[in-house]
Amino acid sequence: MGAVLKKKSCHVCHEKYVPYSSLSKTCSGTCALAHHKRQEAKKAKQERKEFNRETKRRKAALPPSKNRLKADVQKEFNAFVRFRDFDKPCISCGRYENEIQHSDRGGKWDCGHYLSVGSTPELRFNEFNAHKQCKSCNRNKSGNAGKYRVGLVKKIGADLVDWLEGPHELNKYTIDELQWLLAFYKDRAKEFKAIADDHMGST
């Protein structure tokens, strides 16, 4: 006679049972089926993780699209403008940091374009066309354009505002140009953030 196997705990219901072999993991057909389904679900989850990881790797290996690069440049450009104007009031309403409440969208400030990116994409990265603006003016008042113009004339002068409002050639950026702009505005955002942090630390 073979040796009697010692009782062990079922991997599913955790009840003690006498296994029919040393490889047995469950006490019954019902628990065996449940264990099988659990293992299959675990395997499927792992396969999904591996698929997502591989998809992400392949996407990262692809050359960047112009639209993706434009969005990345815009993000860094917007950050640069907010840090550049850290000590300035809202270009439209003239309120300063201590006069503005945090928005439910997070923070107080946006990079507000006088002539919007949608209507005038040729000026999306023009530094004369973009200034620190409170979220209330930029989002709740559609840019508060009338008061924005008044503030802009005070800040950069009527001649430059007239130039902004004139016709401009659409920029057909190449991939290389967008990558250059991305690196440029990343550096400028870091530079002006350091200036802003240093100023705030010394006050």
C-alpha atoms as a PDB file:
ATOM      1  CA  MET A   1       0.000   0.000   0.000  1.00  0.00           C
ATOM      2  CA  GLY A   2       1.147   3.505  -0.760  1.00  0.00           C
ATOM      3  CA  ALA A   3       1.730   6.031   1.936  1.00  0.00           C
ATOM      4  CA  VAL A   4      -1.363   7.921   3.104  1.00  0.00           C
ATOM      5  CA  LEU A   5      -1.074  11.567   2.224  1.00  0.00           C
ATOM      6  CA  LYS A   6      -1.470  14.101   4.999  1.00  0.00           C
ATOM      7  CA  LYS A   7      -4.420  16.460   5.026  1.00  0.00           C
ATOM      8  CA  LYS A   8      -3.909  19.831   3.391  1.00  0.00           C
ATOM      9  CA  SER A   9      -5.924  23.034   2.928  1.00  0.00           C
ATOM     10  CA  CYS A  10      -8.005  23.506  -0.204  1.00  0.00           C
ATOM     11  CA  HIS A  11      -6.746  26.468  -2.232  1.00  0.00           C
ATOM     12  CA  VAL A  12     -10.314  27.675  -2.733  1.00  0.00           C
ATOM     13  CA  CYS A  13     -12.446  26.960   0.335  1.00  0.00           C
ATOM     14  CA  HIS A  14      -9.492  26.407   2.700  1.00  0.00           C
ATOM     15  CA  GLU A  15     -11.138  23.340   4.234  1.00  0.00           C
ATOM     16  CA  LYS A  16      -8.838  20.490   5.289  1.00  0.00           C
ATOM     17  CA  TYR A  17      -9.019  17.405   3.046  1.00  0.00           C
ATOM     18  CA  VAL A  18      -7.049  14.284   2.207  1.00  0.00           C
ATOM     19  CA  PRO A  19      -5.526  14.812  -1.270  1.00  0.00           C
ATOM     20  CA  TYR A  20      -5.664  12.067  -3.842  1.00  0.00           C
ATOM     21  CA  SER A  21      -2.148  12.984  -4.978  1.00  0.00           C
ATOM     22  CA  SER A  22       0.687  15.256  -3.931  1.00  0.00           C
ATOM     23  CA  LEU A  23      -0.247  17.624  -6.811  1.00  0.00           C
ATOM     24  CA  SER A  24      -3.836  18.074  -5.653  1.00  0.00           C
ATOM     25  CA  LYS A  25      -4.772  21.654  -4.745  1.00  0.00           C
ATOM     26  CA  THR A  26      -8.526  21.470  -4.190  1.00  0.00           C
ATOM     27  CA  CYS A  27     -10.897  19.303  -2.222  1.00  0.00           C
ATOM     28  CA  SER A  28     -13.604  18.757  -4.821  1.00  0.00           C
ATOM     29  CA  GLY A  29     -14.618  19.170  -8.450  1.00  0.00           C
ATOM     30  CA  THR A  30     -16.447  22.394  -7.595  1.00  0.00           C
ATOM     31  CA  CYS A  31     -13.373  23.906  -5.970  1.00  0.00           C
ATOM     32  CA  ALA A  32     -11.186  22.570  -8.780  1.00  0.00           C
ATOM     33  CA  LEU A  33     -13.333  24.407 -11.343  1.00  0.00           C
ATOM     34  CA  ALA A  34     -13.251  27.597  -9.257  1.00  0.00           C
ATOM     35  CA  HIS A  35      -9.469  27.285  -8.949  1.00  0.00           C
ATOM     36  CA  HIS A  36      -9.158  26.792 -12.702  1.00  0.00           C
ATOM     37  CA  LYS A  37     -11.261  29.919 -13.408  1.00  0.00           C
ATOM     38  CA  ARG A  38      -9.180  31.900 -10.927  1.00  0.00           C
ATOM     39  CA  GLN A  39      -5.946  30.817 -12.593  1.00  0.00           C
ATOM     40  CA  GLU A  40      -7.323  31.625 -16.037  1.00  0.00           C
ATOM     41  CA  ALA A  41      -8.362  35.107 -14.880  1.00  0.00           C
ATOM     42  CA  LYS A  42      -4.922  35.653 -13.371  1.00  0.00           C
ATOM     43  CA  LYS A  43      -3.287  34.522 -16.600  1.00  0.00           C
ATOM     44  CA  ALA A  44      -5.531  36.807 -18.692  1.00  0.00           C
ATOM     45  CA  LYS A  45      -4.715  39.773 -16.440  1.00  0.00           C
ATOM     46  CA  GLN A  46      -0.993  39.138 -16.811  1.00  0.00           C
ATOM     47  CA  GLU A  47      -1.359  38.840 -20.580  1.00  0.00           C
ATOM     48  CA  ARG A  48      -3.223  42.169 -20.692  1.00  0.00           C
ATOM     49  CA  LYS A  49      -0.453  43.813 -18.681  1.00  0.00           C
ATOM     50  CA  GLU A  50       2.174  42.420 -21.022  1.00  0.00           C
ATOM     51  CA  PHE A  51       0.136  43.508 -24.065  1.00  0.00           C
ATOM     52  CA  ASN A  52      -0.280  47.050 -22.699  1.00  0.00           C
ATOM     53  CA  ARG A  53       3.426  47.209 -21.839  1.00  0.00           C
ATOM     54  CA  GLU A  54       4.387  46.105 -25.338  1.00  0.00           C
ATOM     55  CA  THR A  55       1.902  48.529 -26.927  1.00  0.00           C
ATOM     56  CA  LYS A  56       3.355  51.374 -24.886  1.00  0.00           C
ATOM     57  CA  ARG A  57       6.885  50.363 -25.872  1.00  0.00           C
ATOM     58  CA  ARG A  58       5.974  50.256 -29.551  1.00  0.00           C
ATOM     59  CA  LYS A  59       4.248  53.641 -29.396  1.00  0.00           C
ATOM     60  CA  ALA A  60       7.305  55.138 -27.720  1.00  0.00           C
ATOM     61  CA  ALA A  61       9.477  53.751 -30.512  1.00  0.00           C
ATOM     62  CA  LEU A  62       7.355  55.424 -33.202  1.00  0.00           C
ATOM     63  CA  PRO A  63       8.462  58.839 -34.495  1.00  0.00           C
ATOM     64  CA  PRO A  64       6.396  61.590 -32.823  1.00  0.00           C
ATOM     65  CA  SER A  65       3.478  63.027 -34.773  1.00  0.00           C
ATOM     66  CA  LYS A  66       3.216  66.756 -35.457  1.00  0.00           C
ATOM     67  CA  ASN A  67      -0.006  67.009 -33.459  1.00  0.00           C
ATOM     68  CA  ARG A  68       1.576  65.320 -30.437  1.00  0.00           C
ATOM     69  CA  LEU A  69       4.632  67.540 -30.661  1.00  0.00           C
ATOM     70  CA  LYS A  70       2.512  70.688 -30.998  1.00  0.00           C
ATOM     71  CA  ALA A  71       0.604  69.710 -27.865  1.00  0.00           C
ATOM     72  CA  ASP A  72       3.874  69.065 -26.001  1.00  0.00           C
ATOM     73  CA  VAL A  73       5.355  72.400 -27.119  1.00  0.00           C
ATOM     74  CA  GLN A  74       2.125  74.160 -26.113  1.00  0.00           C
ATOM     75  CA  LYS A  75       2.320  72.675 -22.626  1.00  0.00           C
ATOM     76  CA  GLU A  76       5.906  73.891 -22.117  1.00  0.00           C
ATOM     77  CA  PHE A  77       5.179  77.264 -23.743  1.00  0.00           C
ATOM     78  CA  ASN A  78       2.180  77.802 -21.448  1.00  0.00           C
ATOM     79  CA  ALA A  79       4.285  76.940 -18.394  1.00  0.00           C
ATOM     80  CA  PHE A  80       6.997  79.358 -19.529  1.00  0.00           C
ATOM     81  CA  VAL A  81       4.472  82.202 -19.873  1.00  0.00           C
ATOM     82  CA  ARG A  82       3.029  81.601 -16.395  1.00  0.00           C
ATOM     83  CA  PHE A  83       6.513  81.599 -14.830  1.00  0.00           C
ATOM     84  CA  ARG A  84       7.676  84.571 -16.917  1.00  0.00           C
ATOM     85  CA  ASP A  85       4.742  86.616 -15.602  1.00  0.00           C
ATOM     86  CA  PHE A  86       4.827  85.222 -12.047  1.00  0.00           C
ATOM     87  CA  ASP A  87       4.858  88.687 -10.452  1.00  0.00           C
ATOM     88  CA  LYS A  88       2.371  90.247 -12.894  1.00  0.00           C
ATOM     89  CA  PRO A  89      -1.391  90.622 -12.422  1.00  0.00           C
ATOM     90  CA  CYS A  90      -3.994  89.028 -14.669  1.00  0.00           C
ATOM     91  CA  ILE A  91      -3.630  90.642 -18.088  1.00  0.00           C
ATOM     92  CA  SER A  92      -7.411  91.171 -18.277  1.00  0.00           C
ATOM     93  CA  CYS A  93      -8.823  91.988 -14.835  1.00  0.00           C
ATOM     94  CA  GLY A  94      -5.612  93.279 -13.240  1.00  0.00           C
ATOM     95  CA  ARG A  95      -5.954  91.191 -10.087  1.00  0.00           C
ATOM     96  CA  TYR A  96      -2.881  89.860  -8.304  1.00  0.00           C
ATOM     97  CA  GLU A  97      -2.170  86.506  -6.649  1.00  0.00           C
ATOM     98  CA  ASN A  98      -3.648  87.450  -3.257  1.00  0.00           C
ATOM     99  CA  GLU A  99      -6.858  88.717  -4.861  1.00  0.00           C
ATOM    100  CA  ILE A 100      -7.760  85.492  -6.657  1.00  0.00           C
ATOM    101  CA  GLN A 101      -9.345  82.320  -5.309  1.00  0.00           C
ATOM    102  CA  HIS A 102      -8.216  78.871  -6.417  1.00  0.00           C
ATOM    103  CA  SER A 103     -10.285  77.504  -9.284  1.00  0.00           C
ATOM    104  CA  ASP A 104     -12.184  74.238  -8.970  1.00  0.00           C
ATOM    105  CA  ARG A 105     -10.104  73.232 -12.003  1.00  0.00           C
ATOM    106  CA  GLY A 106      -6.952  73.599  -9.915  1.00  0.00           C
ATOM    107  CA  GLY A 107      -4.704  76.593  -9.407  1.00  0.00           C
ATOM    108  CA  LYS A 108      -5.340  80.221 -10.202  1.00  0.00           C
ATOM    109  CA  TRP A 109      -3.531  80.933 -13.454  1.00  0.00           C
ATOM    110  CA  ASP A 110      -3.561  80.018 -17.118  1.00  0.00           C
ATOM    111  CA  CYS A 111      -1.499  81.068 -20.084  1.00  0.00           C
ATOM    112  CA  GLY A 112      -4.111  83.165 -21.868  1.00  0.00           C
ATOM    113  CA  HIS A 113      -3.785  83.868 -25.593  1.00  0.00           C
ATOM    114  CA  TYR A 114      -5.079  87.247 -26.768  1.00  0.00           C
ATOM    115  CA  LEU A 115      -5.807  85.782 -30.186  1.00  0.00           C
ATOM    116  CA  SER A 116      -6.842  82.205 -29.543  1.00  0.00           C
ATOM    117  CA  VAL A 117      -4.952  79.153 -30.768  1.00  0.00           C
ATOM    118  CA  GLY A 118      -8.084  77.979 -32.568  1.00  0.00           C
ATOM    119  CA  SER A 119      -8.688  81.206 -34.485  1.00  0.00           C
ATOM    120  CA  THR A 120      -5.046  82.225 -34.987  1.00  0.00           C
ATOM    121  CA  PRO A 121      -2.837  79.115 -34.840  1.00  0.00           C
ATOM    122  CA  GLU A 122       0.042  81.040 -36.419  1.00  0.00           C
ATOM    123  CA  LEU A 123       0.417  82.960 -33.144  1.00  0.00           C
ATOM    124  CA  ARG A 124       0.116  80.002 -30.755  1.00  0.00           C
ATOM    125  CA  PHE A 125       3.807  80.244 -29.762  1.00  0.00           C
ATOM    126  CA  ASN A 126       4.144  84.024 -30.096  1.00  0.00           C
ATOM    127  CA  GLU A 127       5.248  85.458 -26.742  1.00  0.00           C
ATOM    128  CA  PHE A 128       3.572  88.847 -27.360  1.00  0.00           C
ATOM    129  CA  ASN A 129       0.243  87.039 -27.822  1.00  0.00           C
ATOM    130  CA  ALA A 130       0.366  85.034 -24.565  1.00  0.00           C
ATOM    131  CA  HIS A 131       0.281  86.319 -20.992  1.00  0.00           C
ATOM    132  CA  LYS A 132      -0.614  85.172 -17.499  1.00  0.00           C
ATOM    133  CA  GLN A 133      -4.356  85.259 -17.028  1.00  0.00           C
ATOM    134  CA  CYS A 134      -6.603  84.171 -14.181  1.00  0.00           C
ATOM    135  CA  LYS A 135      -8.725  81.106 -14.858  1.00  0.00           C
ATOM    136  CA  SER A 136     -11.910  83.100 -14.350  1.00  0.00           C
ATOM    137  CA  CYS A 137     -11.113  85.483 -17.208  1.00  0.00           C
ATOM    138  CA  ASN A 138      -9.648  82.834 -19.492  1.00  0.00           C
ATOM    139  CA  ARG A 139     -12.265  80.137 -19.049  1.00  0.00           C
ATOM    140  CA  ASN A 140     -15.402  81.631 -17.540  1.00  0.00           C
ATOM    141  CA  LYS A 141     -15.301  84.837 -19.613  1.00  0.00           C
ATOM    142  CA  SER A 142     -13.972  83.356 -22.861  1.00  0.00           C
ATOM    143  CA  GLY A 143     -10.676  85.192 -22.515  1.00  0.00           C
ATOM    144  CA  ASN A 144     -12.248  88.527 -21.452  1.00  0.00           C
ATOM    145  CA  ALA A 145     -10.975  89.856 -24.794  1.00  0.00           C
ATOM    146  CA  GLY A 146     -12.004  93.502 -24.409  1.00  0.00           C
ATOM    147  CA  LYS A 147     -10.164  93.983 -21.122  1.00  0.00           C
ATOM    148  CA  TYR A 148      -7.334  91.748 -22.345  1.00  0.00           C
ATOM    149  CA  ARG A 149      -6.698  94.241 -25.165  1.00  0.00           C
ATOM    150  CA  VAL A 150      -6.648  97.150 -22.740  1.00  0.00           C
ATOM    151  CA  GLY A 151      -4.149  95.349 -20.511  1.00  0.00           C
ATOM    152  CA  LEU A 152      -2.092  94.292 -23.516  1.00  0.00           C
ATOM    153  CA  VAL A 153      -1.790  97.848 -24.862  1.00  0.00           C
ATOM    154  CA  LYS A 154      -0.529  98.951 -21.443  1.00  0.00           C
ATOM    155  CA  LYS A 155       1.979  96.117 -21.331  1.00  0.00           C
ATOM    156  CA  ILE A 156       3.447  95.940 -24.850  1.00  0.00           C
ATOM    157  CA  GLY A 157       2.155  99.074 -26.564  1.00  0.00           C
ATOM    158  CA  ALA A 158      -0.484  99.829 -29.198  1.00  0.00           C
ATOM    159  CA  ASP A 159       1.852  99.279 -32.158  1.00  0.00           C
ATOM    160  CA  LEU A 160       2.600  95.673 -31.191  1.00  0.00           C
ATOM    161  CA  VAL A 161      -1.072  94.990 -30.503  1.00  0.00           C
ATOM    162  CA  ASP A 162      -1.951  96.351 -33.959  1.00  0.00           C
ATOM    163  CA  TRP A 163       0.734  94.090 -35.419  1.00  0.00           C
ATOM    164  CA  LEU A 164      -0.706  91.070 -33.607  1.00  0.00           C
ATOM    165  CA  GLU A 165      -4.130  91.846 -35.021  1.00  0.00           C
ATOM    166  CA  GLY A 166      -2.772  92.076 -38.558  1.00  0.00           C
ATOM    167  CA  PRO A 167      -2.408  89.207 -41.033  1.00  0.00           C
ATOM    168  CA  HIS A 168       0.243  86.555 -40.392  1.00  0.00           C
ATOM    169  CA  GLU A 169       1.546  83.669 -42.410  1.00  0.00           C
ATOM    170  CA  LEU A 170       0.615  80.238 -41.076  1.00  0.00           C
ATOM    171  CA  ASN A 171       3.628  78.380 -39.691  1.00  0.00           C
ATOM    172  CA  LYS A 172       3.962  74.916 -41.184  1.00  0.00           C
ATOM    173  CA  TYR A 173       6.323  73.504 -38.602  1.00  0.00           C
ATOM    174  CA  THR A 174       8.506  70.538 -39.436  1.00  0.00           C
ATOM    175  CA  ILE A 175       9.122  67.735 -36.947  1.00  0.00           C
ATOM    176  CA  ASP A 176      12.648  69.053 -36.366  1.00  0.00           C
ATOM    177  CA  GLU A 177      11.380  72.591 -35.716  1.00  0.00           C
ATOM    178  CA  LEU A 178       8.788  71.354 -33.223  1.00  0.00           C
ATOM    179  CA  GLN A 179      11.386  69.246 -31.414  1.00  0.00           C
ATOM    180  CA  TRP A 180      13.649  72.295 -31.239  1.00  0.00           C
ATOM    181  CA  LEU A 181      10.809  74.440 -29.861  1.00  0.00           C
ATOM    182  CA  LEU A 182       9.994  71.749 -27.307  1.00  0.00           C
ATOM    183  CA  ALA A 183      13.555  71.715 -25.970  1.00  0.00           C
ATOM    184  CA  PHE A 184      13.729  75.526 -26.087  1.00  0.00           C
ATOM    185  CA  TYR A 185      10.578  76.131 -24.056  1.00  0.00           C
ATOM    186  CA  LYS A 186      11.378  73.336 -21.617  1.00  0.00           C
ATOM    187  CA  ASP A 187      14.615  75.173 -20.843  1.00  0.00           C
ATOM    188  CA  ARG A 188      12.916  78.580 -20.653  1.00  0.00           C
ATOM    189  CA  ALA A 189      10.172  77.245 -18.365  1.00  0.00           C
ATOM    190  CA  LYS A 190      12.824  75.789 -16.011  1.00  0.00           C
ATOM    191  CA  GLU A 191      14.821  79.020 -16.103  1.00  0.00           C
ATOM    192  CA  PHE A 192      11.892  81.259 -15.222  1.00  0.00           C
ATOM    193  CA  LYS A 193      10.514  78.796 -12.655  1.00  0.00           C
ATOM    194  CA  ALA A 194      13.871  79.008 -10.859  1.00  0.00           C
ATOM    195  CA  ILE A 195      13.640  82.814 -10.913  1.00  0.00           C
ATOM    196  CA  ALA A 196      10.065  82.693  -9.576  1.00  0.00           C
ATOM    197  CA  ASP A 197      10.977  80.173  -6.842  1.00  0.00           C
ATOM    198  CA  ASP A 198      13.982  82.247  -5.812  1.00  0.00           C
ATOM    199  CA  HIS A 199      11.847  85.370  -5.611  1.00  0.00           C
ATOM    200  CA  MET A 200       9.162  83.623  -3.560  1.00  0.00           C
ATOM    201  CA  GLY A 201      11.786  82.164  -1.255  1.00  0.00           C
ATOM    202  CA  SER A 202      13.293  85.563  -0.567  1.00  0.00           C
ATOM    203  CA  THR A 203      10.007  87.282   0.257  1.00  0.00           C
END
